[in-house]
Amino acid sequence: MSGHSSGDNISYEISTQDICVEIISPPQRDSKWYQGLSLQIDQEILGGKVIAYQIRWFNGNWSTWFVPGVNDIDHKYNRANNTMRRMWSYFDDHEHKYILCKAANSVSIPNPPIN
């Protein structure tokens, strides 16, 4: 146990909490990022859950923070198949940073792919 009970305090266990890190990544050159609106693609590619992210635009400025499934639908679309996509589609060809969370019992937080 982490902590103890006394007075108005409670016992708590935090060893099972997810571990989260902020990662800055170069373009990933992975077309899976723009293949639609799936909220699981981050887990498939990175092995964890992206809880927020930013894109560095080509002019050097960072975007506002995006939260998957909350405020990250891209105003552009995939022309090849006429489908919508999330802002993380820019992970393919833009530098970006994200907060990645994984279960505490996971082996490790992966390093971003370098191409």
PDB file of N, CA and C in Angstrom:
ATOM      1  N   MET A   1       0.831  -1.189   0.000  1.00  0.00           N
ATOM      2  CA  MET A   1       0.000   0.000   0.000  1.00  0.00           C
ATOM      3  C   MET A   1       0.871   1.247   0.000  1.00  0.00           C
ATOM      4  N   SER A   2       0.428   2.226  -0.714  1.00  0.00           N
ATOM      5  CA  SER A   2       1.062   3.538  -0.669  1.00  0.00           C
ATOM      6  C   SER A   2       0.160   4.428   0.161  1.00  0.00           C
ATOM      7  N   GLY A   3       0.599   4.862   1.274  1.00  0.00           N
ATOM      8  CA  GLY A   3      -0.234   5.700   2.130  1.00  0.00           C
ATOM      9  C   GLY A   3      -0.793   4.902   3.293  1.00  0.00           C
ATOM     10  N   HIS A   4      -1.546   5.579   4.104  1.00  0.00           N
ATOM     11  CA  HIS A   4      -2.132   4.932   5.270  1.00  0.00           C
ATOM     12  C   HIS A   4      -3.418   5.653   5.635  1.00  0.00           C
ATOM     13  N   SER A   5      -4.203   5.014   6.463  1.00  0.00           N
ATOM     14  CA  SER A   5      -5.481   5.591   6.871  1.00  0.00           C
ATOM     15  C   SER A   5      -5.350   6.189   8.261  1.00  0.00           C
ATOM     16  N   SER A   6      -5.751   7.448   8.373  1.00  0.00           N
ATOM     17  CA  SER A   6      -5.763   8.081   9.685  1.00  0.00           C
ATOM     18  C   SER A   6      -6.621   9.331   9.593  1.00  0.00           C
ATOM     19  N   GLY A   7      -7.549   9.460  10.510  1.00  0.00           N
ATOM     20  CA  GLY A   7      -8.425  10.625  10.486  1.00  0.00           C
ATOM     21  C   GLY A   7      -9.233  10.685   9.206  1.00  0.00           C
ATOM     22  N   ASP A   8      -9.097  11.783   8.469  1.00  0.00           N
ATOM     23  CA  ASP A   8      -9.857  11.926   7.227  1.00  0.00           C
ATOM     24  C   ASP A   8      -9.065  11.491   5.992  1.00  0.00           C
ATOM     25  N   ASN A   9      -7.948  10.798   6.200  1.00  0.00           N
ATOM     26  CA  ASN A   9      -7.158  10.265   5.087  1.00  0.00           C
ATOM     27  C   ASN A   9      -7.648   8.873   4.726  1.00  0.00           C
ATOM     28  N   ILE A  10      -7.393   8.465   3.506  1.00  0.00           N
ATOM     29  CA  ILE A  10      -7.776   7.124   3.072  1.00  0.00           C
ATOM     30  C   ILE A  10      -6.547   6.346   2.636  1.00  0.00           C
ATOM     31  N   SER A  11      -6.686   5.032   2.658  1.00  0.00           N
ATOM     32  CA  SER A  11      -5.642   4.180   2.106  1.00  0.00           C
ATOM     33  C   SER A  11      -5.774   4.197   0.596  1.00  0.00           C
ATOM     34  N   TYR A  12      -4.664   4.168  -0.085  1.00  0.00           N
ATOM     35  CA  TYR A  12      -4.716   4.174  -1.544  1.00  0.00           C
ATOM     36  C   TYR A  12      -3.584   3.343  -2.123  1.00  0.00           C
ATOM     37  N   GLU A  13      -3.794   2.904  -3.301  1.00  0.00           N
ATOM     38  CA  GLU A  13      -2.818   2.085  -4.022  1.00  0.00           C
ATOM     39  C   GLU A  13      -2.601   2.737  -5.378  1.00  0.00           C
ATOM     40  N   ILE A  14      -1.415   3.268  -5.608  1.00  0.00           N
ATOM     41  CA  ILE A  14      -1.177   3.934  -6.891  1.00  0.00           C
ATOM     42  C   ILE A  14      -0.209   3.172  -7.795  1.00  0.00           C
ATOM     43  N   SER A  15       0.253   2.021  -7.349  1.00  0.00           N
ATOM     44  CA  SER A  15       1.218   1.288  -8.172  1.00  0.00           C
ATOM     45  C   SER A  15       0.590   0.747  -9.453  1.00  0.00           C
ATOM     46  N   THR A  16      -0.734   0.711  -9.513  1.00  0.00           N
ATOM     47  CA  THR A  16      -1.392   0.229 -10.727  1.00  0.00           C
ATOM     48  C   THR A  16      -1.804   1.371 -11.659  1.00  0.00           C
ATOM     49  N   GLN A  17      -1.512   2.612 -11.263  1.00  0.00           N
ATOM     50  CA  GLN A  17      -1.826   3.760 -12.103  1.00  0.00           C
ATOM     51  C   GLN A  17      -1.011   3.716 -13.387  1.00  0.00           C
ATOM     52  N   ASP A  18      -1.591   4.209 -14.474  1.00  0.00           N
ATOM     53  CA  ASP A  18      -0.834   4.312 -15.718  1.00  0.00           C
ATOM     54  C   ASP A  18       0.361   5.240 -15.524  1.00  0.00           C
ATOM     55  N   ILE A  19       1.393   4.990 -16.305  1.00  0.00           N
ATOM     56  CA  ILE A  19       2.566   5.851 -16.330  1.00  0.00           C
ATOM     57  C   ILE A  19       2.488   6.660 -17.616  1.00  0.00           C
ATOM     58  N   CYS A  20       2.633   7.977 -17.502  1.00  0.00           N
ATOM     59  CA  CYS A  20       2.512   8.854 -18.663  1.00  0.00           C
ATOM     60  C   CYS A  20       3.800   9.650 -18.853  1.00  0.00           C
ATOM     61  N   VAL A  21       4.197   9.822 -20.104  1.00  0.00           N
ATOM     62  CA  VAL A  21       5.375  10.615 -20.442  1.00  0.00           C
ATOM     63  C   VAL A  21       5.062  11.491 -21.647  1.00  0.00           C
ATOM     64  N   GLU A  22       5.745  12.623 -21.717  1.00  0.00           N
ATOM     65  CA  GLU A  22       5.639  13.484 -22.893  1.00  0.00           C
ATOM     66  C   GLU A  22       6.792  13.137 -23.829  1.00  0.00           C
ATOM     67  N   ILE A  23       6.470  12.932 -25.083  1.00  0.00           N
ATOM     68  CA  ILE A  23       7.455  12.531 -26.082  1.00  0.00           C
ATOM     69  C   ILE A  23       7.412  13.515 -27.237  1.00  0.00           C
ATOM     70  N   ILE A  24       8.582  13.975 -27.670  1.00  0.00           N
ATOM     71  CA  ILE A  24       8.685  14.784 -28.886  1.00  0.00           C
ATOM     72  C   ILE A  24       9.218  13.859 -29.966  1.00  0.00           C
ATOM     73  N   SER A  25       8.536  13.833 -31.102  1.00  0.00           N
ATOM     74  CA  SER A  25       8.856  12.864 -32.148  1.00  0.00           C
ATOM     75  C   SER A  25       9.022  13.545 -33.505  1.00  0.00           C
ATOM     76  N   PRO A  26       9.976  13.058 -34.290  1.00  0.00           N
ATOM     77  CA  PRO A  26      10.064  13.515 -35.682  1.00  0.00           C
ATOM     78  C   PRO A  26       8.906  12.909 -36.471  1.00  0.00           C
ATOM     79  N   PRO A  27       8.712  13.319 -37.715  1.00  0.00           N
ATOM     80  CA  PRO A  27       7.667  12.687 -38.532  1.00  0.00           C
ATOM     81  C   PRO A  27       7.818  11.169 -38.513  1.00  0.00           C
ATOM     82  N   GLN A  28       6.706  10.446 -38.410  1.00  0.00           N
ATOM     83  CA  GLN A  28       6.770   8.991 -38.274  1.00  0.00           C
ATOM     84  C   GLN A  28       6.658   8.240 -39.589  1.00  0.00           C
ATOM     85  N   ARG A  29       6.251   8.919 -40.640  1.00  0.00           N
ATOM     86  CA  ARG A  29       6.151   8.294 -41.968  1.00  0.00           C
ATOM     87  C   ARG A  29       5.359   6.991 -41.913  1.00  0.00           C
ATOM     88  N   ASP A  30       4.225   7.056 -41.228  1.00  0.00           N
ATOM     89  CA  ASP A  30       3.356   5.886 -41.098  1.00  0.00           C
ATOM     90  C   ASP A  30       1.945   6.290 -41.512  1.00  0.00           C
ATOM     91  N   SER A  31       1.486   5.763 -42.630  1.00  0.00           N
ATOM     92  CA  SER A  31       0.181   6.151 -43.181  1.00  0.00           C
ATOM     93  C   SER A  31      -0.992   5.696 -42.312  1.00  0.00           C
ATOM     94  N   LYS A  32      -0.748   4.837 -41.332  1.00  0.00           N
ATOM     95  CA  LYS A  32      -1.842   4.405 -40.448  1.00  0.00           C
ATOM     96  C   LYS A  32      -2.452   5.586 -39.698  1.00  0.00           C
ATOM     97  N   TRP A  33      -1.662   6.635 -39.445  1.00  0.00           N
ATOM     98  CA  TRP A  33      -2.159   7.782 -38.685  1.00  0.00           C
ATOM     99  C   TRP A  33      -3.306   8.484 -39.383  1.00  0.00           C
ATOM    100  N   TYR A  34      -3.375   8.435 -40.694  1.00  0.00           N
ATOM    101  CA  TYR A  34      -4.459   9.155 -41.377  1.00  0.00           C
ATOM    102  C   TYR A  34      -5.476   8.230 -42.030  1.00  0.00           C
ATOM    103  N   GLN A  35      -5.618   7.045 -41.524  1.00  0.00           N
ATOM    104  CA  GLN A  35      -6.539   6.068 -42.102  1.00  0.00           C
ATOM    105  C   GLN A  35      -7.944   6.119 -41.525  1.00  0.00           C
ATOM    106  N   GLY A  36      -8.395   7.245 -41.035  1.00  0.00           N
ATOM    107  CA  GLY A  36      -9.766   7.339 -40.538  1.00  0.00           C
ATOM    108  C   GLY A  36      -9.849   7.903 -39.142  1.00  0.00           C
ATOM    109  N   LEU A  37     -10.927   7.571 -38.451  1.00  0.00           N
ATOM    110  CA  LEU A  37     -11.209   8.162 -37.143  1.00  0.00           C
ATOM    111  C   LEU A  37     -10.982   7.213 -35.968  1.00  0.00           C
ATOM    112  N   SER A  38     -10.310   6.104 -36.189  1.00  0.00           N
ATOM    113  CA  SER A  38     -10.077   5.138 -35.120  1.00  0.00           C
ATOM    114  C   SER A  38      -9.391   5.793 -33.921  1.00  0.00           C
ATOM    115  N   LEU A  39      -9.862   5.470 -32.735  1.00  0.00           N
ATOM    116  CA  LEU A  39      -9.223   5.941 -31.509  1.00  0.00           C
ATOM    117  C   LEU A  39      -8.284   4.884 -30.920  1.00  0.00           C
ATOM    118  N   GLN A  40      -8.052   3.807 -31.649  1.00  0.00           N
ATOM    119  CA  GLN A  40      -7.149   2.755 -31.182  1.00  0.00           C
ATOM    120  C   GLN A  40      -5.821   2.731 -31.933  1.00  0.00           C
ATOM    121  N   ILE A  41      -5.682   3.549 -32.963  1.00  0.00           N
ATOM    122  CA  ILE A  41      -4.473   3.478 -33.783  1.00  0.00           C
ATOM    123  C   ILE A  41      -3.223   3.832 -32.975  1.00  0.00           C
ATOM    124  N   ASP A  42      -3.367   4.712 -31.976  1.00  0.00           N
ATOM    125  CA  ASP A  42      -2.227   5.058 -31.130  1.00  0.00           C
ATOM    126  C   ASP A  42      -1.724   3.836 -30.367  1.00  0.00           C
ATOM    127  N   GLN A  43      -2.653   3.023 -29.886  1.00  0.00           N
ATOM    128  CA  GLN A  43      -2.254   1.821 -29.160  1.00  0.00           C
ATOM    129  C   GLN A  43      -1.601   0.811 -30.096  1.00  0.00           C
ATOM    130  N   GLU A  44      -2.096   0.747 -31.318  1.00  0.00           N
ATOM    131  CA  GLU A  44      -1.518  -0.173 -32.296  1.00  0.00           C
ATOM    132  C   GLU A  44      -0.100   0.245 -32.682  1.00  0.00           C
ATOM    133  N   ILE A  45       0.112   1.530 -32.902  1.00  0.00           N
ATOM    134  CA  ILE A  45       1.418   2.006 -33.364  1.00  0.00           C
ATOM    135  C   ILE A  45       2.397   2.215 -32.213  1.00  0.00           C
ATOM    136  N   LEU A  46       1.935   2.826 -31.120  1.00  0.00           N
ATOM    137  CA  LEU A  46       2.825   3.231 -30.031  1.00  0.00           C
ATOM    138  C   LEU A  46       2.765   2.326 -28.806  1.00  0.00           C
ATOM    139  N   GLY A  47       1.763   1.448 -28.741  1.00  0.00           N
ATOM    140  CA  GLY A  47       1.648   0.558 -27.598  1.00  0.00           C
ATOM    141  C   GLY A  47       1.117   1.225 -26.347  1.00  0.00           C
ATOM    142  N   GLY A  48       0.488   2.369 -26.498  1.00  0.00           N
ATOM    143  CA  GLY A  48      -0.083   3.094 -25.369  1.00  0.00           C
ATOM    144  C   GLY A  48      -1.139   4.062 -25.862  1.00  0.00           C
ATOM    145  N   LYS A  49      -1.733   4.785 -24.940  1.00  0.00           N
ATOM    146  CA  LYS A  49      -2.824   5.706 -25.246  1.00  0.00           C
ATOM    147  C   LYS A  49      -2.306   7.141 -25.278  1.00  0.00           C
ATOM    148  N   VAL A  50      -2.475   7.814 -26.424  1.00  0.00           N
ATOM    149  CA  VAL A  50      -2.148   9.235 -26.517  1.00  0.00           C
ATOM    150  C   VAL A  50      -3.306  10.004 -25.885  1.00  0.00           C
ATOM    151  N   ILE A  51      -3.019  10.761 -24.828  1.00  0.00           N
ATOM    152  CA  ILE A  51      -4.104  11.498 -24.169  1.00  0.00           C
ATOM    153  C   ILE A  51      -4.182  12.949 -24.626  1.00  0.00           C
ATOM    154  N   ALA A  52      -3.108  13.468 -25.192  1.00  0.00           N
ATOM    155  CA  ALA A  52      -3.107  14.819 -25.755  1.00  0.00           C
ATOM    156  C   ALA A  52      -1.887  14.945 -26.661  1.00  0.00           C
ATOM    157  N   TYR A  53      -1.989  15.829 -27.655  1.00  0.00           N
ATOM    158  CA  TYR A  53      -0.868  15.998 -28.579  1.00  0.00           C
ATOM    159  C   TYR A  53      -0.884  17.366 -29.242  1.00  0.00           C
ATOM    160  N   GLN A  54       0.288  17.740 -29.756  1.00  0.00           N
ATOM    161  CA  GLN A  54       0.448  18.966 -30.523  1.00  0.00           C
ATOM    162  C   GLN A  54       1.210  18.646 -31.802  1.00  0.00           C
ATOM    163  N   ILE A  55       0.970  19.464 -32.818  1.00  0.00           N
ATOM    164  CA  ILE A  55       1.655  19.342 -34.099  1.00  0.00           C
ATOM    165  C   ILE A  55       2.540  20.572 -34.265  1.00  0.00           C
ATOM    166  N   ARG A  56       3.770  20.380 -34.733  1.00  0.00           N
ATOM    167  CA  ARG A  56       4.607  21.529 -35.090  1.00  0.00           C
ATOM    168  C   ARG A  56       4.418  21.769 -36.582  1.00  0.00           C
ATOM    169  N   TRP A  57       3.803  22.896 -36.895  1.00  0.00           N
ATOM    170  CA  TRP A  57       3.537  23.231 -38.291  1.00  0.00           C
ATOM    171  C   TRP A  57       4.838  23.560 -39.003  1.00  0.00           C
ATOM    172  N   PHE A  58       4.809  23.551 -40.311  1.00  0.00           N
ATOM    173  CA  PHE A  58       6.018  23.799 -41.088  1.00  0.00           C
ATOM    174  C   PHE A  58       6.588  25.202 -40.854  1.00  0.00           C
ATOM    175  N   ASN A  59       5.773  26.143 -40.357  1.00  0.00           N
ATOM    176  CA  ASN A  59       6.282  27.487 -40.049  1.00  0.00           C
ATOM    177  C   ASN A  59       6.990  27.534 -38.692  1.00  0.00           C
ATOM    178  N   GLY A  60       7.052  26.389 -37.991  1.00  0.00           N
ATOM    179  CA  GLY A  60       7.746  26.302 -36.711  1.00  0.00           C
ATOM    180  C   GLY A  60       6.861  26.475 -35.492  1.00  0.00           C
ATOM    181  N   ASN A  61       5.639  26.935 -35.673  1.00  0.00           N
ATOM    182  CA  ASN A  61       4.715  27.127 -34.553  1.00  0.00           C
ATOM    183  C   ASN A  61       4.069  25.809 -34.146  1.00  0.00           C
ATOM    184  N   TRP A  62       3.805  25.688 -32.849  1.00  0.00           N
ATOM    185  CA  TRP A  62       3.087  24.525 -32.336  1.00  0.00           C
ATOM    186  C   TRP A  62       1.589  24.801 -32.372  1.00  0.00           C
ATOM    187  N   SER A  63       0.822  23.781 -32.668  1.00  0.00           N
ATOM    188  CA  SER A  63      -0.644  23.877 -32.616  1.00  0.00           C
ATOM    189  C   SER A  63      -1.091  23.991 -31.165  1.00  0.00           C
ATOM    190  N   THR A  64      -2.371  24.208 -30.974  1.00  0.00           N
ATOM    191  CA  THR A  64      -2.947  24.072 -29.641  1.00  0.00           C
ATOM    192  C   THR A  64      -2.928  22.577 -29.293  1.00  0.00           C
ATOM    193  N   TRP A  65      -3.229  22.242 -28.061  1.00  0.00           N
ATOM    194  CA  TRP A  65      -3.297  20.839 -27.666  1.00  0.00           C
ATOM    195  C   TRP A  65      -4.580  20.220 -28.206  1.00  0.00           C
ATOM    196  N   PHE A  66      -4.448  19.021 -28.744  1.00  0.00           N
ATOM    197  CA  PHE A  66      -5.595  18.234 -29.191  1.00  0.00           C
ATOM    198  C   PHE A  66      -5.768  17.056 -28.243  1.00  0.00           C
ATOM    199  N   VAL A  67      -7.015  16.679 -28.002  1.00  0.00           N
ATOM    200  CA  VAL A  67      -7.348  15.510 -27.188  1.00  0.00           C
ATOM    201  C   VAL A  67      -8.112  14.547 -28.091  1.00  0.00           C
ATOM    202  N   PRO A  68      -7.597  13.318 -28.287  1.00  0.00           N
ATOM    203  CA  PRO A  68      -8.264  12.370 -29.183  1.00  0.00           C
ATOM    204  C   PRO A  68      -9.730  12.153 -28.812  1.00  0.00           C
ATOM    205  N   GLY A  69     -10.586  12.288 -29.808  1.00  0.00           N
ATOM    206  CA  GLY A  69     -12.007  12.077 -29.606  1.00  0.00           C
ATOM    207  C   GLY A  69     -12.744  13.267 -29.026  1.00  0.00           C
ATOM    208  N   VAL A  70     -12.029  14.346 -28.717  1.00  0.00           N
ATOM    209  CA  VAL A  70     -12.664  15.522 -28.122  1.00  0.00           C
ATOM    210  C   VAL A  70     -12.632  16.711 -29.082  1.00  0.00           C
ATOM    211  N   ASN A  71     -11.434  17.078 -29.543  1.00  0.00           N
ATOM    212  CA  ASN A  71     -11.308  18.271 -30.387  1.00  0.00           C
ATOM    213  C   ASN A  71     -10.322  18.078 -31.537  1.00  0.00           C
ATOM    214  N   ASP A  72     -10.245  16.861 -32.059  1.00  0.00           N
ATOM    215  CA  ASP A  72      -9.172  16.599 -33.016  1.00  0.00           C
ATOM    216  C   ASP A  72      -9.606  16.111 -34.396  1.00  0.00           C
ATOM    217  N   ILE A  73     -10.818  16.430 -34.819  1.00  0.00           N
ATOM    218  CA  ILE A  73     -11.213  16.089 -36.189  1.00  0.00           C
ATOM    219  C   ILE A  73     -10.569  17.110 -37.124  1.00  0.00           C
ATOM    220  N   ASP A  74      -9.867  16.631 -38.133  1.00  0.00           N
ATOM    221  CA  ASP A  74      -9.204  17.504 -39.102  1.00  0.00           C
ATOM    222  C   ASP A  74     -10.245  18.115 -40.033  1.00  0.00           C
ATOM    223  N   HIS A  75     -10.058  19.373 -40.393  1.00  0.00           N
ATOM    224  CA  HIS A  75     -10.975  20.013 -41.342  1.00  0.00           C
ATOM    225  C   HIS A  75     -10.699  19.549 -42.770  1.00  0.00           C
ATOM    226  N   LYS A  76      -9.528  18.939 -42.978  1.00  0.00           N
ATOM    227  CA  LYS A  76      -9.222  18.335 -44.275  1.00  0.00           C
ATOM    228  C   LYS A  76      -9.682  16.883 -44.235  1.00  0.00           C
ATOM    229  N   TYR A  77      -9.686  16.228 -45.378  1.00  0.00           N
ATOM    230  CA  TYR A  77     -10.106  14.831 -45.438  1.00  0.00           C
ATOM    231  C   TYR A  77      -9.156  14.062 -46.346  1.00  0.00           C
ATOM    232  N   ASN A  78      -9.275  12.747 -46.314  1.00  0.00           N
ATOM    233  CA  ASN A  78      -8.462  11.886 -47.171  1.00  0.00           C
ATOM    234  C   ASN A  78      -9.097  11.849 -48.554  1.00  0.00           C
ATOM    235  N   ARG A  79      -8.465  12.489 -49.501  1.00  0.00           N
ATOM    236  CA  ARG A  79      -9.031  12.587 -50.849  1.00  0.00           C
ATOM    237  C   ARG A  79      -9.111  11.237 -51.554  1.00  0.00           C
ATOM    238  N   ALA A  80      -8.147  10.385 -51.320  1.00  0.00           N
ATOM    239  CA  ALA A  80      -8.095   9.094 -52.023  1.00  0.00           C
ATOM    240  C   ALA A  80      -9.345   8.254 -51.791  1.00  0.00           C
ATOM    241  N   ASN A  81      -9.869   8.282 -50.562  1.00  0.00           N
ATOM    242  CA  ASN A  81     -11.043   7.453 -50.265  1.00  0.00           C
ATOM    243  C   ASN A  81     -12.191   8.247 -49.645  1.00  0.00           C
ATOM    244  N   ASN A  82     -12.083   9.582 -49.683  1.00  0.00           N
ATOM    245  CA  ASN A  82     -13.154  10.463 -49.219  1.00  0.00           C
ATOM    246  C   ASN A  82     -13.565  10.181 -47.767  1.00  0.00           C
ATOM    247  N   THR A  83     -12.570   9.999 -46.882  1.00  0.00           N
ATOM    248  CA  THR A  83     -12.853   9.716 -45.474  1.00  0.00           C
ATOM    249  C   THR A  83     -12.298  10.821 -44.578  1.00  0.00           C
ATOM    250  N   MET A  84     -12.896  10.939 -43.405  1.00  0.00           N
ATOM    251  CA  MET A  84     -12.429  11.909 -42.417  1.00  0.00           C
ATOM    252  C   MET A  84     -11.198  11.360 -41.704  1.00  0.00           C
ATOM    253  N   ARG A  85     -10.509  12.255 -41.006  1.00  0.00           N
ATOM    254  CA  ARG A  85      -9.307  11.851 -40.271  1.00  0.00           C
ATOM    255  C   ARG A  85      -9.129  12.739 -39.050  1.00  0.00           C
ATOM    256  N   ARG A  86      -8.268  12.314 -38.154  1.00  0.00           N
ATOM    257  CA  ARG A  86      -7.948  13.081 -36.951  1.00  0.00           C
ATOM    258  C   ARG A  86      -6.707  13.937 -37.213  1.00  0.00           C
ATOM    259  N   MET A  87      -6.502  14.928 -36.367  1.00  0.00           N
ATOM    260  CA  MET A  87      -5.341  15.804 -36.515  1.00  0.00           C
ATOM    261  C   MET A  87      -4.031  15.035 -36.370  1.00  0.00           C
ATOM    262  N   TRP A  88      -4.050  13.889 -35.702  1.00  0.00           N
ATOM    263  CA  TRP A  88      -2.809  13.130 -35.595  1.00  0.00           C
ATOM    264  C   TRP A  88      -2.395  12.537 -36.932  1.00  0.00           C
ATOM    265  N   SER A  89      -3.191  12.737 -37.963  1.00  0.00           N
ATOM    266  CA  SER A  89      -2.763  12.339 -39.306  1.00  0.00           C
ATOM    267  C   SER A  89      -1.469  13.064 -39.681  1.00  0.00           C
ATOM    268  N   TYR A  90      -1.225  14.229 -39.088  1.00  0.00           N
ATOM    269  CA  TYR A  90      -0.005  14.988 -39.369  1.00  0.00           C
ATOM    270  C   TYR A  90       1.229  14.379 -38.710  1.00  0.00           C
ATOM    271  N   PHE A  91       1.065  13.377 -37.844  1.00  0.00           N
ATOM    272  CA  PHE A  91       2.218  12.659 -37.294  1.00  0.00           C
ATOM    273  C   PHE A  91       3.034  12.049 -38.435  1.00  0.00           C
ATOM    274  N   ASP A  92       2.380  11.782 -39.546  1.00  0.00           N
ATOM    275  CA  ASP A  92       3.047  11.183 -40.702  1.00  0.00           C
ATOM    276  C   ASP A  92       4.199  12.046 -41.207  1.00  0.00           C
ATOM    277  N   ASP A  93       3.973  13.367 -41.331  1.00  0.00           N
ATOM    278  CA  ASP A  93       4.989  14.204 -41.968  1.00  0.00           C
ATOM    279  C   ASP A  93       5.345  15.479 -41.204  1.00  0.00           C
ATOM    280  N   HIS A  94       4.922  15.595 -39.953  1.00  0.00           N
ATOM    281  CA  HIS A  94       5.251  16.756 -39.124  1.00  0.00           C
ATOM    282  C   HIS A  94       5.874  16.297 -37.803  1.00  0.00           C
ATOM    283  N   GLU A  95       6.767  17.116 -37.277  1.00  0.00           N
ATOM    284  CA  GLU A  95       7.231  16.901 -35.911  1.00  0.00           C
ATOM    285  C   GLU A  95       6.016  17.071 -34.992  1.00  0.00           C
ATOM    286  N   HIS A  96       6.002  16.361 -33.894  1.00  0.00           N
ATOM    287  CA  HIS A  96       4.859  16.420 -32.993  1.00  0.00           C
ATOM    288  C   HIS A  96       5.290  16.016 -31.587  1.00  0.00           C
ATOM    289  N   LYS A  97       4.469  16.372 -30.620  1.00  0.00           N
ATOM    290  CA  LYS A  97       4.699  15.890 -29.257  1.00  0.00           C
ATOM    291  C   LYS A  97       3.380  15.388 -28.711  1.00  0.00           C
ATOM    292  N   TYR A  98       3.489  14.416 -27.847  1.00  0.00           N
ATOM    293  CA  TYR A  98       2.281  13.804 -27.306  1.00  0.00           C
ATOM    294  C   TYR A  98       2.550  13.293 -25.908  1.00  0.00           C
ATOM    295  N   ILE A  99       1.475  13.161 -25.165  1.00  0.00           N
ATOM    296  CA  ILE A  99       1.538  12.544 -23.846  1.00  0.00           C
ATOM    297  C   ILE A  99       1.014  11.129 -24.021  1.00  0.00           C
ATOM    298  N   LEU A 100       1.878  10.157 -23.768  1.00  0.00           N
ATOM    299  CA  LEU A 100       1.554   8.747 -23.952  1.00  0.00           C
ATOM    300  C   LEU A 100       1.447   8.077 -22.593  1.00  0.00           C
ATOM    301  N   CYS A 101       0.360   7.353 -22.380  1.00  0.00           N
ATOM    302  CA  CYS A 101       0.148   6.629 -21.124  1.00  0.00           C
ATOM    303  C   CYS A 101       0.092   5.130 -21.391  1.00  0.00           C
ATOM    304  N   LYS A 102       0.750   4.389 -20.505  1.00  0.00           N
ATOM    305  CA  LYS A 102       0.744   2.930 -20.578  1.00  0.00           C
ATOM    306  C   LYS A 102       0.494   2.378 -19.188  1.00  0.00           C
ATOM    307  N   ALA A 103      -0.023   1.165 -19.144  1.00  0.00           N
ATOM    308  CA  ALA A 103      -0.246   0.495 -17.862  1.00  0.00           C
ATOM    309  C   ALA A 103       1.081   0.357 -17.126  1.00  0.00           C
ATOM    310  N   ALA A 104       1.045   0.521 -15.826  1.00  0.00           N
ATOM    311  CA  ALA A 104       2.255   0.469 -15.007  1.00  0.00           C
ATOM    312  C   ALA A 104       2.995  -0.853 -15.149  1.00  0.00           C
ATOM    313  N   ASN A 105       2.266  -1.919 -15.442  1.00  0.00           N
ATOM    314  CA  ASN A 105       2.912  -3.229 -15.564  1.00  0.00           C
ATOM    315  C   ASN A 105       3.431  -3.495 -16.973  1.00  0.00           C
ATOM    316  N   SER A 106       3.353  -2.497 -17.865  1.00  0.00           N
ATOM    317  CA  SER A 106       3.888  -2.652 -19.215  1.00  0.00           C
ATOM    318  C   SER A 106       5.405  -2.662 -19.162  1.00  0.00           C
ATOM    319  N   VAL A 107       5.994  -3.217 -20.178  1.00  0.00           N
ATOM    320  CA  VAL A 107       7.447  -3.346 -20.206  1.00  0.00           C
ATOM    321  C   VAL A 107       8.129  -1.986 -20.234  1.00  0.00           C
ATOM    322  N   SER A 108       7.751  -1.122 -21.193  1.00  0.00           N
ATOM    323  CA  SER A 108       8.407   0.183 -21.300  1.00  0.00           C
ATOM    324  C   SER A 108       7.608   1.106 -22.201  1.00  0.00           C
ATOM    325  N   ILE A 109       7.905   2.390 -22.110  1.00  0.00           N
ATOM    326  CA  ILE A 109       7.353   3.371 -23.038  1.00  0.00           C
ATOM    327  C   ILE A 109       8.258   3.321 -24.266  1.00  0.00           C
ATOM    328  N   PRO A 110       7.690   3.126 -25.466  1.00  0.00           N
ATOM    329  CA  PRO A 110       8.538   2.996 -26.648  1.00  0.00           C
ATOM    330  C   PRO A 110       9.164   4.320 -27.045  1.00  0.00           C
ATOM    331  N   ASN A 111      10.348   4.232 -27.643  1.00  0.00           N
ATOM    332  CA  ASN A 111      10.938   5.410 -28.256  1.00  0.00           C
ATOM    333  C   ASN A 111      10.191   5.672 -29.547  1.00  0.00           C
ATOM    334  N   PRO A 112      10.024   6.937 -29.931  1.00  0.00           N
ATOM    335  CA  PRO A 112       9.333   7.203 -31.191  1.00  0.00           C
ATOM    336  C   PRO A 112      10.148   6.664 -32.353  1.00  0.00           C
ATOM    337  N   PRO A 113       9.470   6.227 -33.415  1.00  0.00           N
ATOM    338  CA  PRO A 113      10.199   5.736 -34.576  1.00  0.00           C
ATOM    339  C   PRO A 113      11.053   6.844 -35.175  1.00  0.00           C
ATOM    340  N   ILE A 114      12.228   6.512 -35.628  1.00  0.00           N
ATOM    341  CA  ILE A 114      13.096   7.474 -36.302  1.00  0.00           C
ATOM    342  C   ILE A 114      13.293   6.987 -37.725  1.00  0.00           C
ATOM    343  N   ASN A 115      12.933   7.845 -38.661  1.00  0.00           N
ATOM    344  CA  ASN A 115      13.055   7.483 -40.083  1.00  0.00           C
ATOM    345  C   ASN A 115      14.066   8.346 -40.774  1.00  0.00           C
TER     346      ASN A 115
END
